[in-house]
Amino acid sequence: SSAMVTAVNASSDGAMNTEDLFTDRD
């Protein structure tokens, strides 16, 4: 829980489907 984790600012309705592009480990 102390590890820094990046949050992803993604468009929900963009040209690309960005769902699940990045995993937790990524």
PDB file of all heavy atoms in Angstrom:
ATOM      1  N   SER A   1       0.802  -1.208   0.000  1.00  0.00           N
ATOM      2  CA  SER A   1       0.000   0.000   0.000  1.00  0.00           C
ATOM      3  C   SER A   1       0.840   1.264   0.000  1.00  0.00           C
ATOM      4  O   SER A   1       0.344   2.344  -0.290  1.00  0.00           O
ATOM      5  CB  SER A   1      -0.939  -0.001   1.214  1.00  0.00           C
ATOM      6  OG  SER A   1      -0.179  -0.050   2.412  1.00  0.00           O
ATOM      7  N   SER A   2       2.127   1.156   0.316  1.00  0.00           N
ATOM      8  CA  SER A   2       2.989   2.335   0.349  1.00  0.00           C
ATOM      9  C   SER A   2       3.575   2.654  -1.017  1.00  0.00           C
ATOM     10  O   SER A   2       4.156   3.710  -1.212  1.00  0.00           O
ATOM     11  CB  SER A   2       4.133   2.121   1.351  1.00  0.00           C
ATOM     12  OG  SER A   2       4.993   1.085   0.904  1.00  0.00           O
ATOM     13  N   ALA A   3       3.418   1.748  -1.969  1.00  0.00           N
ATOM     14  CA  ALA A   3       3.991   1.960  -3.294  1.00  0.00           C
ATOM     15  C   ALA A   3       3.231   3.052  -4.026  1.00  0.00           C
ATOM     16  O   ALA A   3       2.009   3.142  -3.953  1.00  0.00           O
ATOM     17  CB  ALA A   3       3.959   0.666  -4.104  1.00  0.00           C
ATOM     18  N   MET A   4       3.970   3.893  -4.764  1.00  0.00           N
ATOM     19  CA  MET A   4       3.333   4.933  -5.553  1.00  0.00           C
ATOM     20  C   MET A   4       2.679   4.304  -6.770  1.00  0.00           C
ATOM     21  O   MET A   4       3.277   3.512  -7.478  1.00  0.00           O
ATOM     22  CB  MET A   4       4.356   5.973  -5.995  1.00  0.00           C
ATOM     23  CG  MET A   4       3.756   7.041  -6.893  1.00  0.00           C
ATOM     24  SD  MET A   4       4.957   8.260  -7.416  1.00  0.00           S
ATOM     25  CE  MET A   4       3.957   9.209  -8.562  1.00  0.00           C
ATOM     26  N   VAL A   5       1.434   4.689  -7.009  1.00  0.00           N
ATOM     27  CA  VAL A   5       0.684   4.143  -8.127  1.00  0.00           C
ATOM     28  C   VAL A   5       0.163   5.290  -8.980  1.00  0.00           C
ATOM     29  O   VAL A   5      -0.394   6.259  -8.474  1.00  0.00           O
ATOM     30  CB  VAL A   5      -0.487   3.262  -7.638  1.00  0.00           C
ATOM     31  CG1 VAL A   5      -1.273   2.711  -8.815  1.00  0.00           C
ATOM     32  CG2 VAL A   5       0.033   2.135  -6.756  1.00  0.00           C
ATOM     33  N   THR A   6       0.342   5.205 -10.277  1.00  0.00           N
ATOM     34  CA  THR A   6      -0.127   6.230 -11.196  1.00  0.00           C
ATOM     35  C   THR A   6      -1.593   5.999 -11.539  1.00  0.00           C
ATOM     36  O   THR A   6      -1.987   4.893 -11.877  1.00  0.00           O
ATOM     37  CB  THR A   6       0.702   6.214 -12.489  1.00  0.00           C
ATOM     38  OG1 THR A   6       2.051   6.566 -12.187  1.00  0.00           O
ATOM     39  CG2 THR A   6       0.150   7.192 -13.517  1.00  0.00           C
ATOM     40  N   ALA A   7      -2.394   7.058 -11.449  1.00  0.00           N
ATOM     41  CA  ALA A   7      -3.783   7.002 -11.908  1.00  0.00           C
ATOM     42  C   ALA A   7      -3.835   7.467 -13.359  1.00  0.00           C
ATOM     43  O   ALA A   7      -3.039   8.304 -13.788  1.00  0.00           O
ATOM     44  CB  ALA A   7      -4.662   7.884 -11.026  1.00  0.00           C
ATOM     45  N   VAL A   8      -4.766   6.919 -14.123  1.00  0.00           N
ATOM     46  CA  VAL A   8      -4.819   7.203 -15.556  1.00  0.00           C
ATOM     47  C   VAL A   8      -5.987   8.119 -15.880  1.00  0.00           C
ATOM     48  O   VAL A   8      -7.144   7.787 -15.642  1.00  0.00           O
ATOM     49  CB  VAL A   8      -4.933   5.899 -16.371  1.00  0.00           C
ATOM     50  CG1 VAL A   8      -4.914   6.211 -17.860  1.00  0.00           C
ATOM     51  CG2 VAL A   8      -3.801   4.956 -16.010  1.00  0.00           C
ATOM     52  N   ASN A   9      -5.673   9.279 -16.432  1.00  0.00           N
ATOM     53  CA  ASN A   9      -6.686  10.239 -16.845  1.00  0.00           C
ATOM     54  C   ASN A   9      -7.092   9.907 -18.273  1.00  0.00           C
ATOM     55  O   ASN A   9      -6.439  10.298 -19.228  1.00  0.00           O
ATOM     56  CB  ASN A   9      -6.118  11.652 -16.764  1.00  0.00           C
ATOM     57  CG  ASN A   9      -7.120  12.708 -17.192  1.00  0.00           C
ATOM     58  OD1 ASN A   9      -8.301  12.581 -16.931  1.00  0.00           O
ATOM     59  ND2 ASN A   9      -6.635  13.739 -17.841  1.00  0.00           N
ATOM     60  N   ALA A  10      -8.186   9.148 -18.429  1.00  0.00           N
ATOM     61  CA  ALA A  10      -8.567   8.665 -19.750  1.00  0.00           C
ATOM     62  C   ALA A  10      -9.946   9.148 -20.143  1.00  0.00           C
ATOM     63  O   ALA A  10     -10.848   9.255 -19.319  1.00  0.00           O
ATOM     64  CB  ALA A  10      -8.540   7.137 -19.773  1.00  0.00           C
ATOM     65  N   SER A  11     -10.116   9.433 -21.425  1.00  0.00           N
ATOM     66  CA  SER A  11     -11.425   9.783 -21.951  1.00  0.00           C
ATOM     67  C   SER A  11     -12.300   8.539 -21.984  1.00  0.00           C
ATOM     68  O   SER A  11     -11.866   7.472 -22.407  1.00  0.00           O
ATOM     69  CB  SER A  11     -11.280  10.353 -23.364  1.00  0.00           C
ATOM     70  OG  SER A  11     -12.528  10.524 -23.965  1.00  0.00           O
ATOM     71  N   SER A  12     -13.543   8.676 -21.533  1.00  0.00           N
ATOM     72  CA  SER A  12     -14.445   7.524 -21.508  1.00  0.00           C
ATOM     73  C   SER A  12     -15.121   7.290 -22.846  1.00  0.00           C
ATOM     74  O   SER A  12     -15.756   6.259 -23.042  1.00  0.00           O
ATOM     75  CB  SER A  12     -15.514   7.727 -20.429  1.00  0.00           C
ATOM     76  OG  SER A  12     -16.294   8.878 -20.710  1.00  0.00           O
ATOM     77  N   ASP A  13     -15.010   8.220 -23.774  1.00  0.00           N
ATOM     78  CA  ASP A  13     -15.693   8.077 -25.056  1.00  0.00           C
ATOM     79  C   ASP A  13     -14.814   8.540 -26.218  1.00  0.00           C
ATOM     80  O   ASP A  13     -15.279   9.145 -27.171  1.00  0.00           O
ATOM     81  CB  ASP A  13     -17.006   8.858 -25.053  1.00  0.00           C
ATOM     82  CG  ASP A  13     -16.801  10.359 -24.843  1.00  0.00           C
ATOM     83  OD1 ASP A  13     -15.654  10.756 -24.522  1.00  0.00           O
ATOM     84  OD2 ASP A  13     -17.755  11.119 -24.998  1.00  0.00           O
ATOM     85  N   GLY A  14     -13.532   8.243 -26.122  1.00  0.00           N
ATOM     86  CA  GLY A  14     -12.604   8.666 -27.154  1.00  0.00           C
ATOM     87  C   GLY A  14     -12.602   7.763 -28.372  1.00  0.00           C
ATOM     88  O   GLY A  14     -13.329   6.768 -28.446  1.00  0.00           O
ATOM     89  N   ALA A  15     -11.787   8.094 -29.335  1.00  0.00           N
ATOM     90  CA  ALA A  15     -11.682   7.304 -30.557  1.00  0.00           C
ATOM     91  C   ALA A  15     -11.191   5.900 -30.266  1.00  0.00           C
ATOM     92  O   ALA A  15     -11.602   4.941 -30.921  1.00  0.00           O
ATOM     93  CB  ALA A  15     -10.740   7.998 -31.544  1.00  0.00           C
ATOM     94  N   MET A  16     -10.306   5.770 -29.305  1.00  0.00           N
ATOM     95  CA  MET A  16      -9.791   4.473 -28.912  1.00  0.00           C
ATOM     96  C   MET A  16     -10.502   3.984 -27.663  1.00  0.00           C
ATOM     97  O   MET A  16     -10.889   4.781 -26.810  1.00  0.00           O
ATOM     98  CB  MET A  16      -8.282   4.552 -28.631  1.00  0.00           C
ATOM     99  CG  MET A  16      -7.418   4.753 -29.847  1.00  0.00           C
ATOM    100  SD  MET A  16      -5.706   5.186 -29.409  1.00  0.00           S
ATOM    101  CE  MET A  16      -5.259   3.820 -28.366  1.00  0.00           C
ATOM    102  N   ASN A  17     -10.652   2.697 -27.558  1.00  0.00           N
ATOM    103  CA  ASN A  17     -11.166   2.103 -26.336  1.00  0.00           C
ATOM    104  C   ASN A  17     -10.002   1.970 -25.367  1.00  0.00           C
ATOM    105  O   ASN A  17      -9.108   1.150 -25.569  1.00  0.00           O
ATOM    106  CB  ASN A  17     -11.783   0.737 -26.629  1.00  0.00           C
ATOM    107  CG  ASN A  17     -12.398   0.105 -25.390  1.00  0.00           C
ATOM    108  OD1 ASN A  17     -12.299   0.636 -24.289  1.00  0.00           O
ATOM    109  ND2 ASN A  17     -13.025  -1.040 -25.571  1.00  0.00           N
ATOM    110  N   THR A  18      -9.995   2.765 -24.320  1.00  0.00           N
ATOM    111  CA  THR A  18      -8.853   2.807 -23.405  1.00  0.00           C
ATOM    112  C   THR A  18      -9.034   1.916 -22.184  1.00  0.00           C
ATOM    113  O   THR A  18      -8.192   1.921 -21.290  1.00  0.00           O
ATOM    114  CB  THR A  18      -8.611   4.253 -22.941  1.00  0.00           C
ATOM    115  OG1 THR A  18      -9.790   4.753 -22.303  1.00  0.00           O
ATOM    116  CG2 THR A  18      -8.287   5.143 -24.135  1.00  0.00           C
ATOM    117  N   GLU A  19     -10.100   1.157 -22.151  1.00  0.00           N
ATOM    118  CA  GLU A  19     -10.340   0.275 -21.012  1.00  0.00           C
ATOM    119  C   GLU A  19      -9.264  -0.793 -20.931  1.00  0.00           C
ATOM    120  O   GLU A  19      -8.940  -1.444 -21.919  1.00  0.00           O
ATOM    121  CB  GLU A  19     -11.717  -0.382 -21.136  1.00  0.00           C
ATOM    122  CG  GLU A  19     -12.099  -1.246 -19.954  1.00  0.00           C
ATOM    123  CD  GLU A  19     -13.475  -1.870 -20.100  1.00  0.00           C
ATOM    124  OE1 GLU A  19     -14.084  -1.680 -21.180  1.00  0.00           O
ATOM    125  OE2 GLU A  19     -13.919  -2.527 -19.160  1.00  0.00           O
ATOM    126  N   ASP A  20      -8.706  -0.967 -19.751  1.00  0.00           N
ATOM    127  CA  ASP A  20      -7.736  -2.026 -19.474  1.00  0.00           C
ATOM    128  C   ASP A  20      -6.437  -1.912 -20.272  1.00  0.00           C
ATOM    129  O   ASP A  20      -5.760  -2.905 -20.507  1.00  0.00           O
ATOM    130  CB  ASP A  20      -8.357  -3.411 -19.737  1.00  0.00           C
ATOM    131  CG  ASP A  20      -9.496  -3.717 -18.800  1.00  0.00           C
ATOM    132  OD1 ASP A  20      -9.476  -3.214 -17.656  1.00  0.00           O
ATOM    133  OD2 ASP A  20     -10.412  -4.450 -19.197  1.00  0.00           O
ATOM    134  N   LEU A  21      -6.067  -0.710 -20.671  1.00  0.00           N
ATOM    135  CA  LEU A  21      -4.783  -0.557 -21.367  1.00  0.00           C
ATOM    136  C   LEU A  21      -3.616  -0.796 -20.417  1.00  0.00           C
ATOM    137  O   LEU A  21      -2.573  -1.312 -20.819  1.00  0.00           O
ATOM    138  CB  LEU A  21      -4.658   0.845 -21.971  1.00  0.00           C
ATOM    139  CG  LEU A  21      -5.559   1.185 -23.151  1.00  0.00           C
ATOM    140  CD1 LEU A  21      -5.175   2.539 -23.712  1.00  0.00           C
ATOM    141  CD2 LEU A  21      -5.495   0.117 -24.227  1.00  0.00           C
ATOM    142  N   PHE A  22      -3.781  -0.374 -19.167  1.00  0.00           N
ATOM    143  CA  PHE A  22      -2.712  -0.475 -18.181  1.00  0.00           C
ATOM    144  C   PHE A  22      -3.161  -1.382 -17.037  1.00  0.00           C
ATOM    145  O   PHE A  22      -4.250  -1.226 -16.500  1.00  0.00           O
ATOM    146  CB  PHE A  22      -2.343   0.900 -17.633  1.00  0.00           C
ATOM    147  CG  PHE A  22      -1.932   1.890 -18.679  1.00  0.00           C
ATOM    148  CD1 PHE A  22      -2.848   2.807 -19.186  1.00  0.00           C
ATOM    149  CD2 PHE A  22      -0.630   1.913 -19.159  1.00  0.00           C
ATOM    150  CE1 PHE A  22      -2.482   3.723 -20.150  1.00  0.00           C
ATOM    151  CE2 PHE A  22      -0.248   2.828 -20.127  1.00  0.00           C
ATOM    152  CZ  PHE A  22      -1.176   3.733 -20.630  1.00  0.00           C
ATOM    153  N   THR A  23      -2.301  -2.298 -16.645  1.00  0.00           N
ATOM    154  CA  THR A  23      -2.598  -3.155 -15.504  1.00  0.00           C
ATOM    155  C   THR A  23      -2.118  -2.497 -14.219  1.00  0.00           C
ATOM    156  O   THR A  23      -1.376  -1.509 -14.228  1.00  0.00           O
ATOM    157  CB  THR A  23      -1.915  -4.520 -15.651  1.00  0.00           C
ATOM    158  OG1 THR A  23      -0.498  -4.348 -15.510  1.00  0.00           O
ATOM    159  CG2 THR A  23      -2.218  -5.152 -17.003  1.00  0.00           C
ATOM    160  N   ASP A  24      -2.518  -3.058 -13.091  1.00  0.00           N
ATOM    161  CA  ASP A  24      -2.065  -2.545 -11.801  1.00  0.00           C
ATOM    162  C   ASP A  24      -0.544  -2.547 -11.707  1.00  0.00           C
ATOM    163  O   ASP A  24       0.072  -1.609 -11.207  1.00  0.00           O
ATOM    164  CB  ASP A  24      -2.655  -3.388 -10.671  1.00  0.00           C
ATOM    165  CG  ASP A  24      -4.168  -3.277 -10.573  1.00  0.00           C
ATOM    166  OD1 ASP A  24      -4.728  -2.387 -11.237  1.00  0.00           O
ATOM    167  OD2 ASP A  24      -4.775  -4.070  -9.848  1.00  0.00           O
ATOM    168  N   ARG A  25       0.060  -3.630 -12.187  1.00  0.00           N
ATOM    169  CA  ARG A  25       1.524  -3.720 -12.093  1.00  0.00           C
ATOM    170  C   ARG A  25       2.191  -2.704 -13.009  1.00  0.00           C
ATOM    171  O   ARG A  25       3.245  -2.149 -12.658  1.00  0.00           O
ATOM    172  CB  ARG A  25       1.990  -5.136 -12.433  1.00  0.00           C
ATOM    173  CG  ARG A  25       3.479  -5.350 -12.181  1.00  0.00           C
ATOM    174  CD  ARG A  25       3.887  -6.796 -12.335  1.00  0.00           C
ATOM    175  NE  ARG A  25       5.321  -6.985 -12.127  1.00  0.00           N
ATOM    176  CZ  ARG A  25       5.947  -8.146 -12.244  1.00  0.00           C
ATOM    177  NH1 ARG A  25       5.259  -9.243 -12.569  1.00  0.00           N
ATOM    178  NH2 ARG A  25       7.253  -8.228 -12.041  1.00  0.00           N
ATOM    179  N   ASP A  26       1.609  -2.444 -14.174  1.00  0.00           N
ATOM    180  CA  ASP A  26       2.147  -1.408 -15.057  1.00  0.00           C
ATOM    181  C   ASP A  26       2.236  -0.072 -14.332  1.00  0.00           C
ATOM    182  O   ASP A  26       3.204   0.680 -14.496  1.00  0.00           O
ATOM    183  CB  ASP A  26       1.250  -1.218 -16.284  1.00  0.00           C
ATOM    184  CG  ASP A  26       1.196  -2.412 -17.206  1.00  0.00           C
ATOM    185  OD1 ASP A  26       2.108  -3.257 -17.152  1.00  0.00           O
ATOM    186  OD2 ASP A  26       0.224  -2.510 -17.989  1.00  0.00           O
TER     187      ASP A  26
END
